[in-house]
Amino acid sequence: MLAVKILIGILILFMIFNLFKAMMIMLKNDPNQPPMSKYIGRRVIASAVIIGLIILAVMTGLVTPNPRPY
């Protein structure tokens, strides 16, 4: 359970890093740099992996969601 939470935390940090990397490329507008879409795409893939991990963890019972209020 702790490993899943740590992995999700690392992926969130990876998303934030790629967000700022894309921002720096957008602000510099240097044609020699890789395209901004490369880092935005990495961010989208990381978010899809996070959602998949959360769904898998809930389905297997590693993580229990909060109960719904009545």
Protein backbone atom coordinates (compact mmCIF):
# COMPACT_ATOMS: atom_id res chain seq x y z
CA MET A 1 0.00 0.00 0.00
CA LEU A 2 2.77 2.41 0.88
CA ALA A 3 4.61 1.59 -2.36
CA VAL A 4 1.56 2.57 -4.42
CA LYS A 5 1.28 5.89 -2.60
CA ILE A 6 4.99 6.61 -3.04
CA LEU A 7 4.79 5.74 -6.74
CA ILE A 8 1.81 8.07 -7.19
CA GLY A 9 3.70 10.84 -5.36
CA ILE A 10 6.74 10.39 -7.60
CA LEU A 11 4.54 10.50 -10.70
CA ILE A 12 2.90 13.72 -9.48
CA LEU A 13 6.34 15.27 -9.00
CA PHE A 14 7.26 14.09 -12.51
CA MET A 15 4.12 15.80 -13.83
CA ILE A 16 5.00 19.08 -12.11
CA PHE A 17 8.58 18.91 -13.42
CA ASN A 18 7.35 18.42 -16.98
CA LEU A 19 4.86 21.25 -16.59
CA PHE A 20 7.61 23.68 -15.64
CA LYS A 21 9.92 22.32 -18.33
CA ALA A 22 7.23 22.97 -20.95
CA MET A 23 6.68 26.45 -19.53
CA MET A 24 10.38 27.29 -19.82
CA ILE A 25 10.45 26.11 -23.45
CA MET A 26 7.34 28.16 -24.20
CA LEU A 27 8.86 31.30 -22.69
CA LYS A 28 12.27 30.94 -24.39
CA ASN A 29 10.85 30.14 -27.84
CA ASP A 30 14.17 28.62 -28.96
CA PRO A 31 13.88 26.54 -32.18
CA ASN A 32 16.80 24.32 -31.08
CA GLN A 33 14.89 23.07 -28.02
CA PRO A 34 12.59 20.03 -28.22
CA PRO A 35 8.93 20.90 -28.80
CA MET A 36 6.74 21.83 -25.86
CA SER A 37 4.30 19.07 -26.81
CA LYS A 38 6.91 16.48 -25.79
CA TYR A 39 6.70 17.54 -22.15
CA ILE A 40 2.94 18.06 -22.21
CA GLY A 41 2.58 14.54 -23.65
CA ARG A 42 4.71 13.12 -20.84
CA ARG A 43 2.41 14.88 -18.40
CA VAL A 44 -0.68 13.36 -19.97
CA ILE A 45 0.84 9.88 -19.92
CA ALA A 46 1.84 10.28 -16.27
CA SER A 47 -1.70 11.33 -15.34
CA ALA A 48 -3.15 8.33 -17.20
CA VAL A 49 -0.77 6.03 -15.31
CA ILE A 50 -1.78 7.64 -12.00
CA ILE A 51 -5.48 7.15 -12.74
CA GLY A 52 -4.82 3.55 -13.77
CA LEU A 53 -2.84 2.88 -10.59
CA ILE A 54 -5.58 4.36 -8.41
CA ILE A 55 -8.27 2.29 -10.13
CA LEU A 56 -6.15 -0.87 -9.87
CA ALA A 57 -5.36 -0.21 -6.20
CA VAL A 58 -9.04 0.31 -5.36
CA MET A 59 -10.07 -2.81 -7.28
CA THR A 60 -7.48 -4.99 -5.51
CA GLY A 61 -8.23 -3.49 -2.09
CA LEU A 62 -4.80 -1.92 -1.52
CA VAL A 63 -6.40 1.49 -1.12
CA THR A 64 -9.85 1.98 0.33
CA PRO A 65 -11.86 5.03 -0.73
CA ASN A 66 -13.54 7.26 1.84
CA PRO A 67 -17.10 6.18 2.68
CA ARG A 68 -19.92 8.20 1.20
CA PRO A 69 -21.84 10.43 3.61
CA TYR A 70 -25.48 9.58 4.26
